[in-house]
Amino acid sequence: MTRKTLLTTTAAVTAAAALLANHAFAASTTGTARQVVVAAIAITNTSDLDFGTAAQSDAQKTVAPGSSENAENGSFAVTGQANTAYTITLPADGTVTMTTGAGGANETIAVSSFTSSPSGTGLLNGSGTQNLFVGATRAALGAAQVAGTYTATYTVTVVY
């Protein structure tokens, strides 16, 4: 091979390498982003938990949640995404105290042992609704319990 041929071949190989080095080989495709939006869950109080009327020294009283609204149980309407399960959280013991007046001595009554129907979890129907019923136990009334109307608020939380 002559020197001229060798130089020409070397130049051609160098030029080809430079061309290949400047051209990338690539491939691409697309992906899909997705989001499903569901109806927000909501809860509305439809009737209050009512322990009724009692005299001083009355024993503790338990109101059962029942399976339908009655004169004593707390009733709530839950709405949201049709056919969707949700969890129910009720007040812990020691967190709800009914008071009258300034809430001083003999002006409080503890409420505990909250229960619900459905219990723990619920399932919205095909229309996205379900009734939820709440019961609890009020403490025994003291002999010196101050006469009056005792009230407290409590929170029922629903989440999916």
N, C-alpha and C. Protein backbone atom coordinates (compact mmCIF):
# COMPACT_ATOMS: atom_id res chain seq x y z
N MET A 1 0.85 -1.15 0.00
CA MET A 1 0.00 0.00 0.00
C MET A 1 0.91 1.23 0.00
N THR A 2 0.50 2.17 -0.76
CA THR A 2 1.32 3.37 -0.88
C THR A 2 0.95 4.34 0.22
N ARG A 3 1.86 5.22 0.37
CA ARG A 3 1.67 6.20 1.41
C ARG A 3 0.44 7.05 1.12
N LYS A 4 0.18 7.39 -0.12
CA LYS A 4 -0.98 8.18 -0.51
C LYS A 4 -2.27 7.41 -0.23
N THR A 5 -2.30 6.12 -0.51
CA THR A 5 -3.47 5.29 -0.27
C THR A 5 -3.70 5.17 1.23
N LEU A 6 -2.64 5.00 1.98
CA LEU A 6 -2.75 4.87 3.42
C LEU A 6 -3.30 6.17 4.03
N LEU A 7 -2.82 7.30 3.57
CA LEU A 7 -3.33 8.57 4.07
C LEU A 7 -4.78 8.78 3.69
N THR A 8 -5.17 8.40 2.48
CA THR A 8 -6.55 8.53 2.02
C THR A 8 -7.46 7.63 2.83
N THR A 9 -7.06 6.40 3.08
CA THR A 9 -7.85 5.45 3.86
C THR A 9 -7.99 5.94 5.30
N THR A 10 -6.92 6.43 5.87
CA THR A 10 -6.95 6.93 7.24
C THR A 10 -7.88 8.14 7.34
N ALA A 11 -7.83 9.01 6.36
CA ALA A 11 -8.69 10.18 6.35
C ALA A 11 -10.15 9.78 6.23
N ALA A 12 -10.44 8.78 5.39
CA ALA A 12 -11.82 8.33 5.20
C ALA A 12 -12.36 7.70 6.48
N VAL A 13 -11.56 6.89 7.15
CA VAL A 13 -11.98 6.25 8.40
C VAL A 13 -12.20 7.32 9.47
N THR A 14 -11.34 8.29 9.55
CA THR A 14 -11.48 9.37 10.53
C THR A 14 -12.73 10.20 10.26
N ALA A 15 -13.01 10.49 9.00
CA ALA A 15 -14.20 11.26 8.65
C ALA A 15 -15.47 10.46 8.97
N ALA A 16 -15.48 9.17 8.70
CA ALA A 16 -16.64 8.33 9.00
C ALA A 16 -16.87 8.26 10.51
N ALA A 17 -15.79 8.13 11.27
CA ALA A 17 -15.92 8.08 12.72
C ALA A 17 -16.46 9.39 13.26
N ALA A 18 -16.00 10.50 12.69
CA ALA A 18 -16.48 11.81 13.12
C ALA A 18 -17.96 11.97 12.80
N LEU A 19 -18.39 11.49 11.63
CA LEU A 19 -19.81 11.56 11.27
C LEU A 19 -20.67 10.74 12.23
N LEU A 20 -20.22 9.54 12.54
CA LEU A 20 -20.98 8.67 13.44
C LEU A 20 -21.00 9.23 14.86
N ALA A 21 -19.93 9.86 15.27
CA ALA A 21 -19.85 10.41 16.62
C ALA A 21 -20.81 11.58 16.79
N ASN A 22 -21.14 12.30 15.72
CA ASN A 22 -22.02 13.46 15.78
C ASN A 22 -23.49 13.09 15.59
N HIS A 23 -23.80 11.87 15.30
CA HIS A 23 -25.18 11.43 15.11
C HIS A 23 -25.55 10.41 16.17
N ALA A 24 -26.49 10.76 17.05
CA ALA A 24 -26.93 9.83 18.10
C ALA A 24 -28.03 8.95 17.56
N PHE A 25 -28.12 7.76 18.08
CA PHE A 25 -29.20 6.85 17.73
C PHE A 25 -30.16 6.87 18.91
N ALA A 26 -31.44 7.19 18.69
CA ALA A 26 -32.40 7.34 19.78
C ALA A 26 -33.75 6.78 19.38
N ALA A 27 -34.57 6.53 20.40
CA ALA A 27 -35.95 6.11 20.20
C ALA A 27 -36.79 6.80 21.27
N SER A 28 -38.05 7.02 21.01
CA SER A 28 -38.92 7.62 22.00
C SER A 28 -40.33 7.06 21.87
N THR A 29 -41.10 7.22 22.96
CA THR A 29 -42.51 6.82 22.96
C THR A 29 -43.23 7.76 23.92
N THR A 30 -44.52 7.61 24.06
CA THR A 30 -45.28 8.45 24.97
C THR A 30 -45.87 7.60 26.09
N GLY A 31 -46.16 8.24 27.21
CA GLY A 31 -46.84 7.61 28.34
C GLY A 31 -48.14 8.36 28.59
N THR A 32 -48.97 7.82 29.46
CA THR A 32 -50.25 8.44 29.77
C THR A 32 -50.28 8.81 31.25
N ALA A 33 -50.68 10.02 31.55
CA ALA A 33 -50.93 10.44 32.93
C ALA A 33 -52.43 10.27 33.18
N ARG A 34 -52.78 9.77 34.38
CA ARG A 34 -54.18 9.48 34.66
C ARG A 34 -54.54 9.92 36.07
N GLN A 35 -55.75 10.41 36.24
CA GLN A 35 -56.28 10.78 37.56
C GLN A 35 -57.76 10.45 37.57
N VAL A 36 -58.21 9.70 38.57
CA VAL A 36 -59.63 9.44 38.76
C VAL A 36 -60.09 10.35 39.89
N VAL A 37 -61.14 11.11 39.66
CA VAL A 37 -61.69 12.00 40.68
C VAL A 37 -62.99 11.40 41.18
N VAL A 38 -63.12 11.26 42.51
CA VAL A 38 -64.34 10.72 43.10
C VAL A 38 -65.06 11.83 43.84
N ALA A 39 -66.33 11.62 44.05
CA ALA A 39 -67.12 12.59 44.81
C ALA A 39 -66.57 12.68 46.23
N ALA A 40 -66.48 13.87 46.77
CA ALA A 40 -66.01 14.06 48.15
C ALA A 40 -67.01 13.43 49.12
N ILE A 41 -66.49 12.88 50.20
CA ILE A 41 -67.37 12.32 51.22
C ILE A 41 -67.81 13.46 52.16
N ALA A 42 -69.05 13.39 52.61
CA ALA A 42 -69.60 14.42 53.51
C ALA A 42 -70.48 13.73 54.54
N ILE A 43 -70.63 14.37 55.69
CA ILE A 43 -71.51 13.86 56.74
C ILE A 43 -72.30 15.03 57.31
N THR A 44 -73.60 14.81 57.51
CA THR A 44 -74.49 15.84 58.03
C THR A 44 -75.28 15.28 59.21
N ASN A 45 -75.33 16.02 60.30
CA ASN A 45 -76.11 15.61 61.47
C ASN A 45 -77.59 15.81 61.17
N THR A 46 -78.40 14.75 61.37
CA THR A 46 -79.84 14.88 61.12
C THR A 46 -80.65 14.83 62.42
N SER A 47 -80.10 14.27 63.49
CA SER A 47 -80.75 14.34 64.80
C SER A 47 -79.72 14.13 65.90
N ASP A 48 -79.97 14.74 67.05
CA ASP A 48 -79.02 14.73 68.16
C ASP A 48 -79.12 13.47 69.01
N LEU A 49 -78.02 13.13 69.65
CA LEU A 49 -77.98 12.07 70.66
C LEU A 49 -78.65 12.65 71.91
N ASP A 50 -79.72 12.00 72.38
CA ASP A 50 -80.53 12.58 73.46
C ASP A 50 -80.72 11.55 74.57
N PHE A 51 -80.16 11.85 75.74
CA PHE A 51 -80.28 10.96 76.89
C PHE A 51 -81.57 11.19 77.67
N GLY A 52 -82.41 12.09 77.23
CA GLY A 52 -83.71 12.31 77.84
C GLY A 52 -83.63 13.12 79.12
N THR A 53 -84.60 12.87 79.99
CA THR A 53 -84.73 13.58 81.26
C THR A 53 -84.53 12.58 82.39
N ALA A 54 -83.74 12.96 83.39
CA ALA A 54 -83.49 12.06 84.52
C ALA A 54 -83.32 12.88 85.79
N ALA A 55 -83.57 12.24 86.91
CA ALA A 55 -83.44 12.89 88.22
C ALA A 55 -82.03 12.69 88.78
N GLN A 56 -81.67 13.53 89.74
CA GLN A 56 -80.40 13.36 90.44
C GLN A 56 -80.30 11.92 90.95
N SER A 57 -79.10 11.39 91.02
CA SER A 57 -78.80 10.02 91.46
C SER A 57 -79.22 8.94 90.48
N ASP A 58 -79.66 9.32 89.27
CA ASP A 58 -80.05 8.32 88.27
C ASP A 58 -78.82 7.52 87.84
N ALA A 59 -79.02 6.24 87.57
CA ALA A 59 -77.93 5.37 87.12
C ALA A 59 -77.45 5.79 85.73
N GLN A 60 -76.29 5.28 85.35
CA GLN A 60 -75.81 5.58 84.00
C GLN A 60 -76.83 5.12 82.98
N LYS A 61 -76.81 5.74 81.82
CA LYS A 61 -77.77 5.40 80.78
C LYS A 61 -77.04 5.19 79.47
N THR A 62 -77.39 4.11 78.79
CA THR A 62 -76.81 3.81 77.49
C THR A 62 -77.87 3.94 76.42
N VAL A 63 -77.54 4.67 75.37
CA VAL A 63 -78.39 4.78 74.18
C VAL A 63 -77.72 3.94 73.10
N ALA A 64 -78.44 2.94 72.60
CA ALA A 64 -77.90 2.10 71.53
C ALA A 64 -77.99 2.84 70.20
N PRO A 65 -77.06 2.57 69.27
CA PRO A 65 -77.13 3.25 67.98
C PRO A 65 -78.36 2.85 67.17
N GLY A 66 -78.80 1.61 67.32
CA GLY A 66 -79.95 1.14 66.56
C GLY A 66 -79.64 1.04 65.07
N SER A 67 -80.66 0.64 64.33
CA SER A 67 -80.49 0.49 62.88
C SER A 67 -81.37 1.47 62.11
N SER A 68 -82.05 2.34 62.85
CA SER A 68 -82.84 3.40 62.22
C SER A 68 -82.93 4.56 63.21
N GLU A 69 -83.31 5.71 62.71
CA GLU A 69 -83.42 6.89 63.57
C GLU A 69 -84.53 6.71 64.58
N ASN A 70 -84.26 7.11 65.85
CA ASN A 70 -85.29 7.08 66.89
C ASN A 70 -85.15 8.34 67.75
N ALA A 71 -85.90 8.42 68.82
CA ALA A 71 -85.91 9.63 69.64
C ALA A 71 -84.63 9.84 70.43
N GLU A 72 -83.76 8.83 70.54
CA GLU A 72 -82.57 8.95 71.37
C GLU A 72 -81.25 8.97 70.59
N ASN A 73 -81.11 8.12 69.58
CA ASN A 73 -79.80 8.00 68.93
C ASN A 73 -79.45 9.23 68.09
N GLY A 74 -78.15 9.44 67.92
CA GLY A 74 -77.69 10.48 67.00
C GLY A 74 -77.76 9.92 65.59
N SER A 75 -78.25 10.72 64.66
CA SER A 75 -78.39 10.25 63.28
C SER A 75 -77.64 11.17 62.34
N PHE A 76 -77.00 10.57 61.34
CA PHE A 76 -76.19 11.30 60.38
C PHE A 76 -76.45 10.77 58.98
N ALA A 77 -76.36 11.64 57.99
CA ALA A 77 -76.44 11.24 56.59
C ALA A 77 -75.03 11.35 56.00
N VAL A 78 -74.54 10.25 55.45
CA VAL A 78 -73.23 10.22 54.81
C VAL A 78 -73.45 10.18 53.31
N THR A 79 -72.77 11.04 52.57
CA THR A 79 -72.89 11.07 51.11
C THR A 79 -71.50 11.09 50.49
N GLY A 80 -71.43 10.58 49.25
CA GLY A 80 -70.15 10.56 48.54
C GLY A 80 -70.23 9.70 47.30
N GLN A 81 -69.10 9.06 46.97
CA GLN A 81 -68.97 8.25 45.77
C GLN A 81 -69.78 6.96 45.92
N ALA A 82 -70.65 6.69 44.97
CA ALA A 82 -71.50 5.49 45.00
C ALA A 82 -70.67 4.22 45.15
N ASN A 83 -71.20 3.28 45.93
CA ASN A 83 -70.61 1.95 46.12
C ASN A 83 -69.18 2.00 46.66
N THR A 84 -68.91 2.96 47.54
CA THR A 84 -67.56 3.12 48.09
C THR A 84 -67.59 2.92 49.60
N ALA A 85 -66.62 2.14 50.10
CA ALA A 85 -66.50 1.89 51.54
C ALA A 85 -65.80 3.07 52.21
N TYR A 86 -66.12 3.29 53.48
CA TYR A 86 -65.50 4.36 54.25
C TYR A 86 -65.32 3.91 55.69
N THR A 87 -64.41 4.56 56.41
CA THR A 87 -64.19 4.24 57.81
C THR A 87 -64.85 5.30 58.69
N ILE A 88 -65.26 4.87 59.87
CA ILE A 88 -65.96 5.74 60.83
C ILE A 88 -65.10 5.87 62.08
N THR A 89 -64.86 7.10 62.52
CA THR A 89 -64.13 7.34 63.76
C THR A 89 -65.04 8.10 64.72
N LEU A 90 -65.17 7.55 65.92
CA LEU A 90 -66.02 8.13 66.97
C LEU A 90 -65.15 8.69 68.08
N PRO A 91 -65.71 9.52 68.96
CA PRO A 91 -64.92 10.08 70.06
C PRO A 91 -64.37 9.00 70.99
N ALA A 92 -63.17 9.22 71.47
CA ALA A 92 -62.56 8.32 72.45
C ALA A 92 -63.15 8.61 73.83
N ASP A 93 -63.11 7.62 74.69
CA ASP A 93 -63.57 7.82 76.07
C ASP A 93 -62.77 8.94 76.72
N GLY A 94 -63.45 9.73 77.54
CA GLY A 94 -62.79 10.82 78.25
C GLY A 94 -62.68 12.11 77.45
N THR A 95 -63.26 12.15 76.26
CA THR A 95 -63.13 13.36 75.43
C THR A 95 -64.42 14.16 75.30
N VAL A 96 -65.54 13.61 75.77
CA VAL A 96 -66.82 14.34 75.66
C VAL A 96 -67.43 14.48 77.04
N THR A 97 -67.68 15.73 77.43
CA THR A 97 -68.30 16.02 78.72
C THR A 97 -69.42 17.03 78.52
N MET A 98 -70.63 16.64 78.91
CA MET A 98 -71.74 17.59 78.85
C MET A 98 -71.65 18.51 80.05
N THR A 99 -72.00 19.79 79.83
CA THR A 99 -71.95 20.77 80.92
C THR A 99 -73.22 21.59 80.96
N THR A 100 -73.46 22.14 82.13
CA THR A 100 -74.49 23.16 82.31
C THR A 100 -73.85 24.28 83.11
N GLY A 101 -74.43 25.46 83.08
CA GLY A 101 -73.84 26.58 83.81
C GLY A 101 -72.41 26.81 83.37
N ALA A 102 -71.54 27.01 84.35
CA ALA A 102 -70.12 27.26 84.07
C ALA A 102 -69.32 25.97 83.99
N GLY A 103 -69.99 24.83 84.18
CA GLY A 103 -69.27 23.55 84.13
C GLY A 103 -68.47 23.27 85.38
N GLY A 104 -68.87 23.87 86.49
CA GLY A 104 -68.16 23.69 87.77
C GLY A 104 -68.57 22.39 88.45
N ALA A 105 -68.38 22.37 89.77
CA ALA A 105 -68.71 21.19 90.57
C ALA A 105 -70.17 20.79 90.36
N ASN A 106 -70.38 19.52 90.09
CA ASN A 106 -71.71 18.95 89.89
C ASN A 106 -72.43 19.54 88.67
N GLU A 107 -71.69 20.14 87.74
CA GLU A 107 -72.29 20.71 86.52
C GLU A 107 -71.75 20.03 85.25
N THR A 108 -71.20 18.83 85.40
CA THR A 108 -70.70 18.09 84.24
C THR A 108 -71.18 16.65 84.27
N ILE A 109 -71.31 16.06 83.09
CA ILE A 109 -71.67 14.64 82.96
C ILE A 109 -70.82 14.08 81.81
N ALA A 110 -70.05 13.04 82.12
CA ALA A 110 -69.20 12.41 81.11
C ALA A 110 -70.04 11.55 80.16
N VAL A 111 -69.63 11.55 78.90
CA VAL A 111 -70.25 10.68 77.88
C VAL A 111 -69.13 9.82 77.31
N SER A 112 -69.35 8.51 77.24
CA SER A 112 -68.29 7.60 76.79
C SER A 112 -68.89 6.43 76.01
N SER A 113 -68.03 5.51 75.63
CA SER A 113 -68.42 4.26 74.95
C SER A 113 -69.28 4.51 73.71
N PHE A 114 -68.84 5.42 72.87
CA PHE A 114 -69.57 5.70 71.63
C PHE A 114 -69.55 4.48 70.72
N THR A 115 -70.71 4.21 70.12
CA THR A 115 -70.84 3.11 69.16
C THR A 115 -71.63 3.61 67.96
N SER A 116 -71.51 2.91 66.85
CA SER A 116 -72.26 3.33 65.67
C SER A 116 -72.79 2.13 64.90
N SER A 117 -73.79 2.41 64.09
CA SER A 117 -74.32 1.43 63.15
C SER A 117 -74.44 2.13 61.80
N PRO A 118 -73.66 1.71 60.81
CA PRO A 118 -72.70 0.61 60.84
C PRO A 118 -71.54 0.92 61.77
N SER A 119 -70.84 -0.12 62.16
CA SER A 119 -69.74 0.01 63.12
C SER A 119 -68.40 -0.14 62.42
N GLY A 120 -67.52 0.84 62.61
CA GLY A 120 -66.17 0.76 62.06
C GLY A 120 -66.03 1.16 60.61
N THR A 121 -66.82 0.53 59.74
CA THR A 121 -66.80 0.88 58.32
C THR A 121 -68.23 0.90 57.80
N GLY A 122 -68.45 1.72 56.79
CA GLY A 122 -69.74 1.79 56.13
C GLY A 122 -69.54 1.61 54.64
N LEU A 123 -70.63 1.48 53.91
CA LEU A 123 -70.59 1.33 52.46
C LEU A 123 -71.71 2.17 51.86
N LEU A 124 -71.32 3.16 51.08
CA LEU A 124 -72.32 3.99 50.41
C LEU A 124 -73.05 3.15 49.36
N ASN A 125 -74.34 3.36 49.24
CA ASN A 125 -75.14 2.59 48.29
C ASN A 125 -74.92 3.09 46.85
N GLY A 126 -75.68 2.55 45.91
CA GLY A 126 -75.56 2.92 44.51
C GLY A 126 -75.87 4.37 44.22
N SER A 127 -76.56 5.03 45.15
CA SER A 127 -76.84 6.47 45.01
C SER A 127 -75.82 7.32 45.77
N GLY A 128 -74.86 6.68 46.45
CA GLY A 128 -73.83 7.41 47.18
C GLY A 128 -74.30 7.93 48.53
N THR A 129 -75.23 7.22 49.20
CA THR A 129 -75.71 7.65 50.51
C THR A 129 -75.75 6.49 51.49
N GLN A 130 -75.71 6.81 52.76
CA GLN A 130 -75.95 5.83 53.83
C GLN A 130 -76.28 6.59 55.10
N ASN A 131 -77.22 6.08 55.88
CA ASN A 131 -77.52 6.64 57.19
C ASN A 131 -76.61 5.99 58.21
N LEU A 132 -76.13 6.80 59.17
CA LEU A 132 -75.24 6.33 60.22
C LEU A 132 -75.87 6.73 61.55
N PHE A 133 -75.94 5.80 62.49
CA PHE A 133 -76.58 6.05 63.77
C PHE A 133 -75.57 5.87 64.90
N VAL A 134 -75.64 6.77 65.90
CA VAL A 134 -74.65 6.79 66.98
C VAL A 134 -75.34 6.66 68.33
N GLY A 135 -74.73 5.86 69.19
CA GLY A 135 -75.16 5.73 70.57
C GLY A 135 -73.97 5.94 71.49
N ALA A 136 -74.23 6.06 72.78
CA ALA A 136 -73.16 6.25 73.77
C ALA A 136 -73.73 6.02 75.16
N THR A 137 -72.88 6.13 76.16
CA THR A 137 -73.28 5.97 77.55
C THR A 137 -73.00 7.27 78.31
N ARG A 138 -74.00 7.74 79.04
CA ARG A 138 -73.77 8.89 79.91
C ARG A 138 -73.57 8.36 81.32
N ALA A 139 -72.68 9.04 82.03
CA ALA A 139 -72.35 8.62 83.40
C ALA A 139 -73.56 8.75 84.32
N ALA A 140 -73.49 8.04 85.44
CA ALA A 140 -74.53 8.16 86.47
C ALA A 140 -74.55 9.59 86.98
N LEU A 141 -75.73 10.05 87.36
CA LEU A 141 -75.90 11.41 87.88
C LEU A 141 -75.68 11.41 89.39
N GLY A 142 -74.97 12.42 89.87
CA GLY A 142 -74.69 12.51 91.30
C GLY A 142 -75.91 12.99 92.08
N ALA A 143 -75.90 12.74 93.38
CA ALA A 143 -76.99 13.17 94.25
C ALA A 143 -77.08 14.70 94.29
N ALA A 144 -75.96 15.38 94.08
CA ALA A 144 -75.94 16.84 94.09
C ALA A 144 -75.81 17.42 92.68
N GLN A 145 -76.14 16.60 91.68
CA GLN A 145 -76.05 17.06 90.29
C GLN A 145 -76.93 18.30 90.14
N VAL A 146 -76.36 19.37 89.59
CA VAL A 146 -77.09 20.62 89.41
C VAL A 146 -78.18 20.40 88.35
N ALA A 147 -79.41 20.84 88.64
CA ALA A 147 -80.50 20.72 87.67
C ALA A 147 -80.24 21.68 86.51
N GLY A 148 -80.55 21.24 85.32
CA GLY A 148 -80.36 22.08 84.14
C GLY A 148 -80.26 21.25 82.89
N THR A 149 -80.08 21.91 81.78
CA THR A 149 -79.89 21.23 80.49
C THR A 149 -78.40 21.12 80.23
N TYR A 150 -77.91 19.91 80.05
CA TYR A 150 -76.50 19.63 79.82
C TYR A 150 -76.29 19.38 78.32
N THR A 151 -75.26 19.97 77.76
CA THR A 151 -74.97 19.76 76.34
C THR A 151 -73.46 19.62 76.12
N ALA A 152 -73.14 18.98 75.02
CA ALA A 152 -71.76 18.88 74.53
C ALA A 152 -71.82 18.59 73.05
N THR A 153 -70.76 18.92 72.37
CA THR A 153 -70.65 18.51 70.96
C THR A 153 -69.69 17.34 70.89
N TYR A 154 -69.86 16.52 69.88
CA TYR A 154 -68.94 15.41 69.62
C TYR A 154 -68.75 15.31 68.12
N THR A 155 -67.64 14.72 67.74
CA THR A 155 -67.28 14.66 66.32
C THR A 155 -67.32 13.23 65.81
N VAL A 156 -67.99 13.04 64.69
CA VAL A 156 -67.98 11.77 63.97
C VAL A 156 -67.25 12.05 62.65
N THR A 157 -66.21 11.27 62.38
CA THR A 157 -65.41 11.48 61.18
C THR A 157 -65.59 10.28 60.23
N VAL A 158 -65.78 10.56 58.95
CA VAL A 158 -65.87 9.53 57.92
C VAL A 158 -64.80 9.81 56.87
N VAL A 159 -64.11 8.76 56.44
CA VAL A 159 -63.00 8.90 55.49
C VAL A 159 -62.99 7.73 54.54
N TYR A 160 -62.72 8.01 53.24
CA TYR A 160 -62.38 6.88 52.36
C TYR A 160 -61.03 7.07 51.76
